[in-house]
């Protein structure tokens, strides 16, 4: 008579133990996600603070340092700042940070939108974030983009469109700088931070 009661108590104990273990695993996952989010928000805050009241002669080096920090944070092979030209038919890789040993990409050279027509529409016209752990996950309408990514040796992507405010630096020579608008106020120019995984 005792044996069945012991078996029931053991079964209930196992179920409770399994439930507790599962709850602990869920909490650990949530805690890890929150920790990563906090690290990311700290990084964004620190990067934003770097550009407040920044001297124009330090802009290039600060952009380069910021890209390098993002490259390390996301553990990616390349991190680039893309400039969309005002006529909307071309774009440039304005700045790039790359891991050692990767082939160079064309920096500050006009590139036609035709290289990435689907990506361009998604980012510039619809302001969409594009994330594909593998290029095979890209939709069929992105076949031209996928082919270009493959030719450049890129195996996965994260593209994040951001607004930039166009700030004249020297009206006499019409040179200008583009300042990140992290709060969404600038609308004169759209650029994108593009993280290339590989």
N, C-alpha and C. Protein backbone atom coordinates (compact mmCIF):
# COMPACT_ATOMS: atom_id res chain seq x y z
N UNK A 1 0.81 -1.20 0.00
CA UNK A 1 0.00 0.00 0.00
C UNK A 1 0.86 1.27 0.00
N UNK A 2 1.99 1.24 0.65
CA UNK A 2 2.87 2.42 0.72
C UNK A 2 3.53 2.73 -0.62
N UNK A 3 3.85 1.71 -1.36
CA UNK A 3 4.59 1.91 -2.60
C UNK A 3 3.86 2.83 -3.58
N UNK A 4 2.53 2.68 -3.81
CA UNK A 4 1.88 3.61 -4.75
C UNK A 4 1.93 5.06 -4.29
N UNK A 5 1.79 5.32 -3.00
CA UNK A 5 1.86 6.70 -2.50
C UNK A 5 3.24 7.30 -2.73
N UNK A 6 4.27 6.51 -2.51
CA UNK A 6 5.64 6.99 -2.72
C UNK A 6 5.84 7.33 -4.21
N UNK A 7 5.33 6.48 -5.09
CA UNK A 7 5.47 6.72 -6.53
C UNK A 7 4.77 8.01 -6.93
N UNK A 8 3.57 8.27 -6.38
CA UNK A 8 2.84 9.50 -6.69
C UNK A 8 3.62 10.71 -6.20
N UNK A 9 4.14 10.63 -4.98
CA UNK A 9 4.92 11.75 -4.43
C UNK A 9 6.19 12.00 -5.25
N UNK A 10 6.84 10.92 -5.67
CA UNK A 10 8.05 11.07 -6.50
C UNK A 10 7.70 11.72 -7.84
N UNK A 11 6.59 11.28 -8.44
CA UNK A 11 6.16 11.85 -9.72
C UNK A 11 5.86 13.34 -9.59
N UNK A 12 5.14 13.72 -8.53
CA UNK A 12 4.84 15.13 -8.29
C UNK A 12 6.13 15.91 -8.07
N UNK A 13 7.06 15.32 -7.33
CA UNK A 13 8.35 15.97 -7.08
C UNK A 13 9.13 16.20 -8.36
N UNK A 14 9.15 15.20 -9.26
CA UNK A 14 9.85 15.34 -10.54
C UNK A 14 9.22 16.45 -11.38
N UNK A 15 7.89 16.49 -11.41
CA UNK A 15 7.21 17.51 -12.19
C UNK A 15 7.51 18.91 -11.65
N UNK A 16 7.47 19.04 -10.32
CA UNK A 16 7.79 20.35 -9.72
C UNK A 16 9.22 20.74 -10.01
N UNK A 17 10.14 19.77 -9.87
CA UNK A 17 11.55 20.04 -10.15
C UNK A 17 11.74 20.48 -11.60
N UNK A 18 11.09 19.76 -12.53
CA UNK A 18 11.21 20.12 -13.96
C UNK A 18 10.66 21.51 -14.22
N UNK A 19 9.55 21.85 -13.57
CA UNK A 19 8.96 23.18 -13.73
C UNK A 19 9.90 24.26 -13.20
N UNK A 20 10.51 23.99 -12.06
CA UNK A 20 11.45 24.95 -11.46
C UNK A 20 12.66 25.12 -12.36
N UNK A 21 13.19 24.03 -12.89
CA UNK A 21 14.36 24.10 -13.79
C UNK A 21 14.01 24.92 -15.03
N UNK A 22 12.83 24.66 -15.60
CA UNK A 22 12.42 25.41 -16.79
C UNK A 22 12.27 26.90 -16.48
N UNK A 23 11.68 27.22 -15.32
CA UNK A 23 11.52 28.61 -14.90
C UNK A 23 12.87 29.29 -14.72
N UNK A 24 13.83 28.59 -14.16
CA UNK A 24 15.18 29.14 -13.98
C UNK A 24 15.82 29.41 -15.34
N UNK A 25 15.66 28.49 -16.29
CA UNK A 25 16.23 28.67 -17.63
C UNK A 25 15.61 29.88 -18.33
N UNK A 26 14.29 30.04 -18.19
CA UNK A 26 13.60 31.18 -18.80
C UNK A 26 14.12 32.48 -18.20
N UNK A 27 14.25 32.51 -16.89
CA UNK A 27 14.73 33.73 -16.22
C UNK A 27 16.17 34.06 -16.63
N UNK A 28 17.01 33.03 -16.76
CA UNK A 28 18.39 33.26 -17.20
C UNK A 28 18.42 33.86 -18.60
N UNK A 29 17.58 33.33 -19.49
CA UNK A 29 17.51 33.85 -20.86
C UNK A 29 17.07 35.31 -20.87
N UNK A 30 16.03 35.62 -20.11
CA UNK A 30 15.55 37.01 -20.02
C UNK A 30 16.63 37.92 -19.46
N UNK A 31 17.32 37.45 -18.43
CA UNK A 31 18.38 38.25 -17.82
C UNK A 31 19.51 38.50 -18.82
N UNK A 32 19.89 37.49 -19.60
CA UNK A 32 20.94 37.66 -20.60
C UNK A 32 20.51 38.65 -21.68
N UNK A 33 19.25 38.56 -22.11
CA UNK A 33 18.75 39.48 -23.13
C UNK A 33 18.73 40.92 -22.61
N UNK A 34 18.32 41.09 -21.36
CA UNK A 34 18.29 42.43 -20.77
C UNK A 34 19.71 42.99 -20.62
N UNK A 35 20.64 42.14 -20.23
CA UNK A 35 22.03 42.56 -20.10
C UNK A 35 22.58 43.02 -21.44
N UNK A 36 22.31 42.25 -22.51
CA UNK A 36 22.76 42.63 -23.85
C UNK A 36 22.11 43.94 -24.29
N UNK A 37 20.83 44.08 -24.01
CA UNK A 37 20.14 45.32 -24.40
C UNK A 37 20.74 46.52 -23.67
N UNK A 38 21.03 46.35 -22.40
CA UNK A 38 21.64 47.44 -21.62
C UNK A 38 23.01 47.79 -22.18
N UNK A 39 23.80 46.78 -22.55
CA UNK A 39 25.11 47.04 -23.15
C UNK A 39 24.94 47.82 -24.46
N UNK A 40 23.96 47.43 -25.27
CA UNK A 40 23.72 48.12 -26.54
C UNK A 40 23.29 49.57 -26.29
N UNK A 41 22.38 49.78 -25.35
CA UNK A 41 21.92 51.14 -25.07
C UNK A 41 23.05 52.00 -24.53
N UNK A 42 23.92 51.42 -23.73
CA UNK A 42 25.10 52.15 -23.24
C UNK A 42 26.01 52.54 -24.40
N UNK A 43 26.22 51.60 -25.31
CA UNK A 43 27.06 51.88 -26.48
C UNK A 43 26.46 53.02 -27.29
N UNK A 44 25.15 52.98 -27.55
CA UNK A 44 24.50 54.04 -28.33
C UNK A 44 24.59 55.38 -27.61
N UNK A 45 24.41 55.38 -26.30
CA UNK A 45 24.52 56.62 -25.54
C UNK A 45 25.94 57.16 -25.63
N UNK A 46 26.93 56.29 -25.43
CA UNK A 46 28.34 56.72 -25.49
C UNK A 46 28.69 57.26 -26.88
N UNK A 47 28.21 56.57 -27.92
CA UNK A 47 28.50 57.02 -29.28
C UNK A 47 27.82 58.36 -29.57
N UNK A 48 26.59 58.51 -29.11
CA UNK A 48 25.88 59.80 -29.31
C UNK A 48 26.62 60.92 -28.60
N UNK A 49 27.07 60.66 -27.39
CA UNK A 49 27.76 61.69 -26.61
C UNK A 49 29.05 62.14 -27.28
N UNK A 50 29.71 61.24 -28.02
CA UNK A 50 30.95 61.60 -28.70
C UNK A 50 30.75 62.72 -29.73
N UNK A 51 29.55 62.78 -30.31
CA UNK A 51 29.32 63.72 -31.41
C UNK A 51 28.70 65.03 -30.96
N UNK A 52 28.41 65.16 -29.70
CA UNK A 52 27.87 66.43 -29.18
C UNK A 52 29.02 67.42 -29.07
N UNK A 53 28.86 68.58 -29.68
CA UNK A 53 29.87 69.65 -29.64
C UNK A 53 31.24 69.19 -30.16
N UNK A 54 31.23 68.32 -31.14
CA UNK A 54 32.48 67.80 -31.70
C UNK A 54 33.05 68.79 -32.71
N UNK A 55 34.35 69.03 -32.63
CA UNK A 55 35.03 69.89 -33.61
C UNK A 55 35.00 69.21 -34.97
N UNK A 56 34.75 69.98 -36.04
CA UNK A 56 34.70 69.38 -37.38
C UNK A 56 35.97 68.62 -37.76
N UNK A 57 37.14 69.08 -37.28
CA UNK A 57 38.37 68.39 -37.65
C UNK A 57 38.52 67.03 -36.98
N UNK A 58 37.68 66.72 -36.02
CA UNK A 58 37.72 65.41 -35.34
C UNK A 58 36.63 64.47 -35.84
N UNK A 59 35.77 64.96 -36.73
CA UNK A 59 34.62 64.16 -37.18
C UNK A 59 35.05 62.83 -37.81
N UNK A 60 35.99 62.88 -38.75
CA UNK A 60 36.42 61.66 -39.45
C UNK A 60 36.92 60.60 -38.48
N UNK A 61 37.80 60.99 -37.58
CA UNK A 61 38.37 59.99 -36.66
C UNK A 61 37.32 59.46 -35.69
N UNK A 62 36.38 60.31 -35.26
CA UNK A 62 35.33 59.85 -34.34
C UNK A 62 34.37 58.89 -35.04
N UNK A 63 34.05 59.15 -36.30
CA UNK A 63 33.20 58.23 -37.06
C UNK A 63 33.89 56.88 -37.19
N UNK A 64 35.17 56.92 -37.53
CA UNK A 64 35.93 55.68 -37.68
C UNK A 64 35.98 54.90 -36.37
N UNK A 65 36.24 55.60 -35.27
CA UNK A 65 36.28 54.94 -33.95
C UNK A 65 34.92 54.35 -33.59
N UNK A 66 33.85 55.08 -33.90
CA UNK A 66 32.49 54.61 -33.59
C UNK A 66 32.18 53.33 -34.38
N UNK A 67 32.54 53.31 -35.66
CA UNK A 67 32.32 52.12 -36.47
C UNK A 67 33.10 50.93 -35.93
N UNK A 68 34.33 51.19 -35.50
CA UNK A 68 35.15 50.11 -34.93
C UNK A 68 34.51 49.56 -33.66
N UNK A 69 33.99 50.45 -32.80
CA UNK A 69 33.31 49.99 -31.59
C UNK A 69 32.07 49.15 -31.91
N UNK A 70 31.31 49.57 -32.93
CA UNK A 70 30.13 48.79 -33.31
C UNK A 70 30.52 47.44 -33.90
N UNK A 71 31.59 47.43 -34.69
CA UNK A 71 32.09 46.19 -35.26
C UNK A 71 32.42 45.20 -34.15
N UNK A 72 33.10 45.69 -33.12
CA UNK A 72 33.48 44.83 -32.00
C UNK A 72 32.27 44.42 -31.17
N UNK A 73 31.33 45.35 -30.95
CA UNK A 73 30.16 45.04 -30.14
C UNK A 73 29.32 43.94 -30.79
N UNK A 74 29.07 44.08 -32.10
CA UNK A 74 28.22 43.12 -32.80
C UNK A 74 28.98 41.88 -33.26
N UNK A 75 30.32 41.91 -33.10
CA UNK A 75 31.18 40.80 -33.52
C UNK A 75 30.94 40.46 -34.99
N UNK A 76 31.08 41.50 -35.83
CA UNK A 76 30.88 41.36 -37.27
C UNK A 76 32.19 41.61 -37.99
N UNK A 77 32.21 41.30 -39.28
CA UNK A 77 33.41 41.50 -40.09
C UNK A 77 33.57 42.91 -40.62
N UNK A 78 32.43 43.54 -40.93
CA UNK A 78 32.49 44.90 -41.49
C UNK A 78 31.36 45.73 -40.90
N UNK A 79 31.64 47.01 -40.72
CA UNK A 79 30.63 47.97 -40.29
C UNK A 79 30.88 49.24 -41.08
N UNK A 80 29.86 49.68 -41.81
CA UNK A 80 30.08 50.81 -42.72
C UNK A 80 28.97 51.84 -42.58
N UNK A 81 29.32 53.06 -42.88
CA UNK A 81 28.35 54.15 -42.94
C UNK A 81 28.17 54.47 -44.42
N UNK A 82 26.93 54.38 -44.87
CA UNK A 82 26.61 54.56 -46.29
C UNK A 82 25.98 55.93 -46.48
N UNK A 83 26.41 56.61 -47.52
CA UNK A 83 25.82 57.92 -47.86
C UNK A 83 25.03 57.77 -49.15
N UNK A 84 23.78 58.16 -49.09
CA UNK A 84 22.92 58.16 -50.28
C UNK A 84 23.08 59.53 -50.93
N UNK A 85 23.42 59.54 -52.20
CA UNK A 85 23.62 60.81 -52.89
C UNK A 85 22.28 61.50 -53.09
N UNK A 86 22.30 62.84 -53.16
CA UNK A 86 21.06 63.61 -53.18
C UNK A 86 20.14 63.29 -54.35
N UNK A 87 20.69 62.92 -55.51
CA UNK A 87 19.81 62.61 -56.64
C UNK A 87 19.17 61.23 -56.52
N UNK A 88 19.61 60.44 -55.52
CA UNK A 88 19.01 59.14 -55.26
C UNK A 88 19.39 58.04 -56.23
N UNK A 89 20.33 58.31 -57.15
CA UNK A 89 20.70 57.29 -58.13
C UNK A 89 22.01 56.58 -57.77
N UNK A 90 22.74 57.15 -56.81
CA UNK A 90 24.03 56.58 -56.41
C UNK A 90 24.16 56.61 -54.89
N UNK A 91 25.12 55.85 -54.40
CA UNK A 91 25.44 55.83 -52.98
C UNK A 91 26.94 55.57 -52.84
N UNK A 92 27.44 55.83 -51.66
CA UNK A 92 28.86 55.61 -51.38
C UNK A 92 29.02 54.95 -50.02
N UNK A 93 30.06 54.15 -49.90
CA UNK A 93 30.51 53.73 -48.58
C UNK A 93 31.38 54.88 -48.09
N UNK A 94 30.87 55.66 -47.16
CA UNK A 94 31.59 56.84 -46.70
C UNK A 94 32.71 56.49 -45.73
N UNK A 95 32.44 55.55 -44.84
CA UNK A 95 33.40 55.11 -43.83
C UNK A 95 33.19 53.62 -43.60
N UNK A 96 34.26 52.93 -43.29
CA UNK A 96 34.13 51.50 -43.03
C UNK A 96 35.18 51.05 -42.02
N UNK A 97 34.78 50.15 -41.15
CA UNK A 97 35.71 49.45 -40.26
C UNK A 97 35.61 47.98 -40.63
N UNK A 98 36.75 47.32 -40.79
CA UNK A 98 36.76 45.91 -41.22
C UNK A 98 37.67 45.10 -40.34
N UNK A 99 37.33 43.84 -40.19
CA UNK A 99 38.21 42.90 -39.51
C UNK A 99 39.44 42.68 -40.39
N UNK A 100 40.52 42.23 -39.79
CA UNK A 100 41.75 41.99 -40.54
C UNK A 100 41.56 40.88 -41.57
N UNK A 101 42.25 41.05 -42.71
CA UNK A 101 42.30 40.00 -43.71
C UNK A 101 41.14 39.95 -44.69
N UNK A 102 40.23 40.91 -44.63
CA UNK A 102 39.10 40.91 -45.57
C UNK A 102 39.44 41.70 -46.82
N UNK A 103 38.84 41.33 -47.96
CA UNK A 103 39.05 42.14 -49.16
C UNK A 103 38.48 43.54 -48.96
N UNK A 104 39.11 44.51 -49.57
CA UNK A 104 38.65 45.89 -49.45
C UNK A 104 37.40 46.11 -50.29
N UNK A 105 36.51 46.97 -49.79
CA UNK A 105 35.33 47.38 -50.53
C UNK A 105 35.57 48.80 -51.04
N UNK A 106 34.87 49.20 -52.11
CA UNK A 106 35.09 50.55 -52.68
C UNK A 106 34.56 51.65 -51.76
N UNK A 107 35.47 52.44 -51.20
CA UNK A 107 35.11 53.51 -50.28
C UNK A 107 35.16 54.85 -51.01
N UNK A 108 34.14 55.68 -50.78
CA UNK A 108 34.01 57.02 -51.36
C UNK A 108 34.05 57.02 -52.89
N UNK A 109 33.44 56.00 -53.44
CA UNK A 109 33.30 55.88 -54.89
C UNK A 109 31.80 55.77 -55.16
N UNK A 110 31.30 56.55 -56.13
CA UNK A 110 29.88 56.48 -56.47
C UNK A 110 29.54 55.09 -56.99
N UNK A 111 28.54 54.49 -56.39
CA UNK A 111 28.07 53.17 -56.81
C UNK A 111 26.61 53.28 -57.19
N UNK A 112 26.21 52.68 -58.30
CA UNK A 112 24.81 52.81 -58.73
C UNK A 112 23.86 52.05 -57.81
N UNK A 113 22.67 52.58 -57.67
CA UNK A 113 21.63 51.94 -56.88
C UNK A 113 21.32 50.56 -57.45
N UNK A 114 21.57 50.37 -58.75
CA UNK A 114 21.29 49.09 -59.40
C UNK A 114 22.04 47.92 -58.77
N UNK A 115 23.12 48.18 -58.02
CA UNK A 115 23.83 47.10 -57.35
C UNK A 115 22.95 46.45 -56.27
N UNK A 116 22.14 47.26 -55.62
CA UNK A 116 21.28 46.81 -54.52
C UNK A 116 19.89 47.44 -54.64
N UNK A 117 19.15 47.18 -55.72
CA UNK A 117 17.87 47.88 -55.90
C UNK A 117 16.84 47.56 -54.81
N UNK A 118 16.72 46.32 -54.41
CA UNK A 118 15.72 45.95 -53.40
C UNK A 118 16.12 46.51 -52.04
N UNK A 119 17.40 46.40 -51.68
CA UNK A 119 17.89 46.93 -50.41
C UNK A 119 17.69 48.44 -50.36
N UNK A 120 18.00 49.12 -51.46
CA UNK A 120 17.85 50.58 -51.52
C UNK A 120 16.40 50.98 -51.27
N UNK A 121 15.46 50.34 -51.97
CA UNK A 121 14.04 50.67 -51.77
C UNK A 121 13.61 50.39 -50.34
N UNK A 122 14.04 49.26 -49.81
CA UNK A 122 13.64 48.88 -48.46
C UNK A 122 14.15 49.87 -47.42
N UNK A 123 15.42 50.27 -47.56
CA UNK A 123 16.02 51.14 -46.55
C UNK A 123 15.67 52.61 -46.75
N UNK A 124 15.81 53.10 -47.97
CA UNK A 124 15.68 54.53 -48.21
C UNK A 124 14.23 54.96 -48.36
N UNK A 125 13.45 54.19 -49.09
CA UNK A 125 12.07 54.59 -49.32
C UNK A 125 11.13 54.14 -48.21
N UNK A 126 11.35 52.92 -47.68
CA UNK A 126 10.44 52.40 -46.66
C UNK A 126 11.03 52.43 -45.25
N UNK A 127 12.30 52.81 -45.12
CA UNK A 127 12.99 52.93 -43.82
C UNK A 127 12.94 51.63 -43.02
N UNK A 128 13.14 50.52 -43.70
CA UNK A 128 13.08 49.21 -43.05
C UNK A 128 14.46 48.76 -42.59
N UNK A 129 14.51 48.09 -41.47
CA UNK A 129 15.72 47.41 -41.02
C UNK A 129 15.74 46.06 -41.73
N UNK A 130 16.88 45.71 -42.30
CA UNK A 130 17.02 44.43 -43.00
C UNK A 130 18.00 43.56 -42.24
N UNK A 131 17.58 42.37 -41.88
CA UNK A 131 18.45 41.44 -41.16
C UNK A 131 18.29 40.05 -41.76
N UNK A 132 19.40 39.52 -42.28
CA UNK A 132 19.40 38.19 -42.86
C UNK A 132 20.65 37.44 -42.39
N UNK A 133 20.48 36.46 -41.50
CA UNK A 133 21.63 35.68 -41.04
C UNK A 133 22.34 34.94 -42.18
N UNK A 134 21.58 34.60 -43.22
CA UNK A 134 22.17 34.03 -44.44
C UNK A 134 21.52 34.71 -45.63
N UNK A 135 22.25 34.81 -46.71
CA UNK A 135 21.71 35.45 -47.91
C UNK A 135 20.58 34.63 -48.53
N UNK A 136 20.57 33.33 -48.27
CA UNK A 136 19.51 32.47 -48.78
C UNK A 136 18.14 32.89 -48.23
N UNK A 137 18.12 33.60 -47.11
CA UNK A 137 16.86 34.02 -46.51
C UNK A 137 16.29 35.29 -47.14
N UNK A 138 17.05 35.91 -48.03
CA UNK A 138 16.55 37.10 -48.71
C UNK A 138 15.41 36.70 -49.65
N UNK A 139 14.43 37.59 -49.86
CA UNK A 139 13.30 37.24 -50.72
C UNK A 139 13.73 37.14 -52.19
N UNK A 140 12.94 36.43 -53.01
CA UNK A 140 13.28 36.26 -54.42
C UNK A 140 13.47 37.59 -55.15
N UNK A 141 12.71 38.63 -54.77
CA UNK A 141 12.84 39.93 -55.46
C UNK A 141 14.18 40.62 -55.16
N UNK A 142 14.97 40.06 -54.26
CA UNK A 142 16.28 40.64 -53.92
C UNK A 142 17.42 39.89 -54.58
N UNK A 143 17.14 39.19 -55.68
CA UNK A 143 18.18 38.36 -56.29
C UNK A 143 19.38 39.16 -56.78
N UNK A 144 19.15 40.37 -57.30
CA UNK A 144 20.28 41.20 -57.76
C UNK A 144 21.13 41.60 -56.54
N UNK A 145 20.50 42.02 -55.47
CA UNK A 145 21.20 42.39 -54.25
C UNK A 145 22.02 41.22 -53.73
N UNK A 146 21.39 40.07 -53.70
CA UNK A 146 22.05 38.87 -53.19
C UNK A 146 23.31 38.56 -54.01
N UNK A 147 23.19 38.66 -55.33
CA UNK A 147 24.33 38.38 -56.20
C UNK A 147 25.48 39.36 -55.89
N UNK A 148 25.15 40.65 -55.70
CA UNK A 148 26.19 41.64 -55.39
C UNK A 148 26.82 41.34 -54.03
N UNK A 149 26.00 41.03 -53.02
CA UNK A 149 26.56 40.66 -51.72
C UNK A 149 27.53 39.48 -51.86
N UNK A 150 27.11 38.47 -52.62
CA UNK A 150 27.97 37.28 -52.82
C UNK A 150 29.28 37.66 -53.51
N UNK A 151 29.20 38.52 -54.53
CA UNK A 151 30.41 38.95 -55.25
C UNK A 151 31.35 39.70 -54.33
N UNK A 152 30.80 40.40 -53.34
CA UNK A 152 31.63 41.15 -52.40
C UNK A 152 32.06 40.29 -51.22
N UNK A 153 31.70 39.02 -51.21
CA UNK A 153 32.12 38.12 -50.14
C UNK A 153 31.33 38.28 -48.86
N UNK A 154 30.12 38.82 -48.96
CA UNK A 154 29.29 39.04 -47.78
C UNK A 154 28.30 37.89 -47.69
N UNK A 155 28.22 37.26 -46.50
CA UNK A 155 27.38 36.08 -46.33
C UNK A 155 26.10 36.35 -45.55
N UNK A 156 26.05 37.44 -44.80
CA UNK A 156 24.84 37.81 -44.05
C UNK A 156 24.88 39.30 -43.80
N UNK A 157 23.69 39.90 -43.53
CA UNK A 157 23.65 41.36 -43.42
C UNK A 157 22.72 41.82 -42.31
N UNK A 158 23.03 43.00 -41.83
CA UNK A 158 22.11 43.78 -40.99
C UNK A 158 22.24 45.21 -41.47
N UNK A 159 21.18 45.75 -42.05
CA UNK A 159 21.17 47.12 -42.55
C UNK A 159 20.18 47.92 -41.73
N UNK A 160 20.64 49.03 -41.17
CA UNK A 160 19.80 49.87 -40.32
C UNK A 160 19.78 51.29 -40.88
N UNK A 161 18.63 51.75 -41.40
CA UNK A 161 18.58 53.13 -41.91
C UNK A 161 18.50 54.13 -40.75
N UNK A 162 19.23 55.21 -40.89
CA UNK A 162 19.17 56.27 -39.88
C UNK A 162 19.08 57.61 -40.58
N UNK A 163 18.45 58.56 -39.94
CA UNK A 163 18.36 59.93 -40.47
C UNK A 163 19.60 60.70 -40.08
N UNK A 164 20.02 61.57 -40.98
CA UNK A 164 21.13 62.45 -40.70
C UNK A 164 20.69 63.87 -41.03
N UNK A 165 21.12 64.79 -40.20
CA UNK A 165 20.86 66.21 -40.49
C UNK A 165 22.05 66.75 -41.27
N UNK A 166 21.79 67.50 -42.32
CA UNK A 166 22.83 68.08 -43.15
C UNK A 166 23.20 69.44 -42.55
N UNK A 167 24.43 69.54 -42.03
CA UNK A 167 24.87 70.75 -41.33
C UNK A 167 25.99 71.41 -42.15
N UNK A 168 25.77 72.62 -42.67
CA UNK A 168 26.86 73.29 -43.40
C UNK A 168 28.01 73.63 -42.45
N UNK A 169 29.21 73.34 -42.90
CA UNK A 169 30.38 73.65 -42.09
C UNK A 169 31.08 74.88 -42.63
N UNK A 170 31.19 74.98 -43.94
CA UNK A 170 31.87 76.11 -44.54
C UNK A 170 31.05 76.59 -45.75
N UNK A 171 30.16 77.55 -45.55
CA UNK A 171 29.30 77.99 -46.66
C UNK A 171 30.08 78.53 -47.84
N UNK A 172 31.28 79.08 -47.62
CA UNK A 172 32.05 79.65 -48.72
C UNK A 172 32.47 78.58 -49.71
N UNK A 173 32.80 77.40 -49.22
CA UNK A 173 33.24 76.32 -50.12
C UNK A 173 32.18 75.24 -50.27
N UNK A 174 31.04 75.42 -49.58
CA UNK A 174 29.92 74.49 -49.64
C UNK A 174 30.31 73.09 -49.19
N UNK A 175 31.29 72.97 -48.30
CA UNK A 175 31.56 71.67 -47.70
C UNK A 175 30.58 71.49 -46.56
N UNK A 176 30.31 70.27 -46.24
CA UNK A 176 29.33 70.02 -45.19
C UNK A 176 29.64 68.74 -44.46
N UNK A 177 29.00 68.59 -43.33
CA UNK A 177 29.11 67.37 -42.54
C UNK A 177 27.71 66.82 -42.36
N UNK A 178 27.64 65.55 -42.10
CA UNK A 178 26.36 64.92 -41.81
C UNK A 178 26.40 64.44 -40.37
N UNK A 179 25.50 64.96 -39.57
CA UNK A 179 25.47 64.67 -38.15
C UNK A 179 24.36 63.68 -37.87
N UNK A 180 24.63 62.59 -37.14
CA UNK A 180 23.58 61.62 -36.86
C UNK A 180 22.42 62.26 -36.12
N UNK A 181 21.23 61.98 -36.58
CA UNK A 181 20.02 62.46 -35.91
C UNK A 181 19.39 61.26 -35.22
N UNK A 182 19.86 60.98 -34.02
CA UNK A 182 19.42 59.80 -33.31
C UNK A 182 18.01 59.93 -32.77
N UNK A 183 17.47 61.12 -32.80
CA UNK A 183 16.13 61.34 -32.25
C UNK A 183 15.09 61.51 -33.34
N UNK A 184 15.47 61.33 -34.61
CA UNK A 184 14.50 61.32 -35.69
C UNK A 184 14.04 62.69 -36.19
N UNK A 185 14.79 63.76 -35.92
CA UNK A 185 14.35 65.09 -36.35
C UNK A 185 14.83 65.44 -37.75
N UNK A 186 16.00 64.99 -38.14
CA UNK A 186 16.55 65.36 -39.45
C UNK A 186 15.92 64.55 -40.56
N UNK A 187 15.59 65.21 -41.64
CA UNK A 187 14.98 64.48 -42.75
C UNK A 187 15.60 64.87 -44.08
N UNK A 188 16.64 65.69 -44.07
CA UNK A 188 17.19 66.17 -45.33
C UNK A 188 17.91 65.08 -46.09
N UNK A 189 18.53 64.15 -45.39
CA UNK A 189 19.30 63.12 -46.04
C UNK A 189 19.12 61.82 -45.28
N UNK A 190 19.06 60.74 -45.98
CA UNK A 190 18.99 59.44 -45.34
C UNK A 190 20.31 58.74 -45.61
N UNK A 191 20.91 58.25 -44.59
CA UNK A 191 22.09 57.41 -44.72
C UNK A 191 21.80 56.15 -43.96
N UNK A 192 22.63 55.17 -44.09
CA UNK A 192 22.38 53.95 -43.33
C UNK A 192 23.64 53.42 -42.73
N UNK A 193 23.53 52.93 -41.53
CA UNK A 193 24.63 52.16 -40.97
C UNK A 193 24.39 50.74 -41.43
N UNK A 194 25.38 50.15 -42.02
CA UNK A 194 25.25 48.81 -42.55
C UNK A 194 26.28 47.93 -41.87
N UNK A 195 25.82 46.90 -41.21
CA UNK A 195 26.72 45.95 -40.59
C UNK A 195 26.77 44.72 -41.48
N UNK A 196 27.94 44.45 -42.05
CA UNK A 196 28.08 43.28 -42.89
C UNK A 196 28.65 42.15 -42.04
N UNK A 197 27.93 41.07 -41.94
CA UNK A 197 28.48 39.88 -41.29
C UNK A 197 29.22 39.10 -42.35
N UNK A 198 30.10 38.27 -41.96
CA UNK A 198 30.74 37.47 -43.00
C UNK A 198 31.53 36.41 -42.39
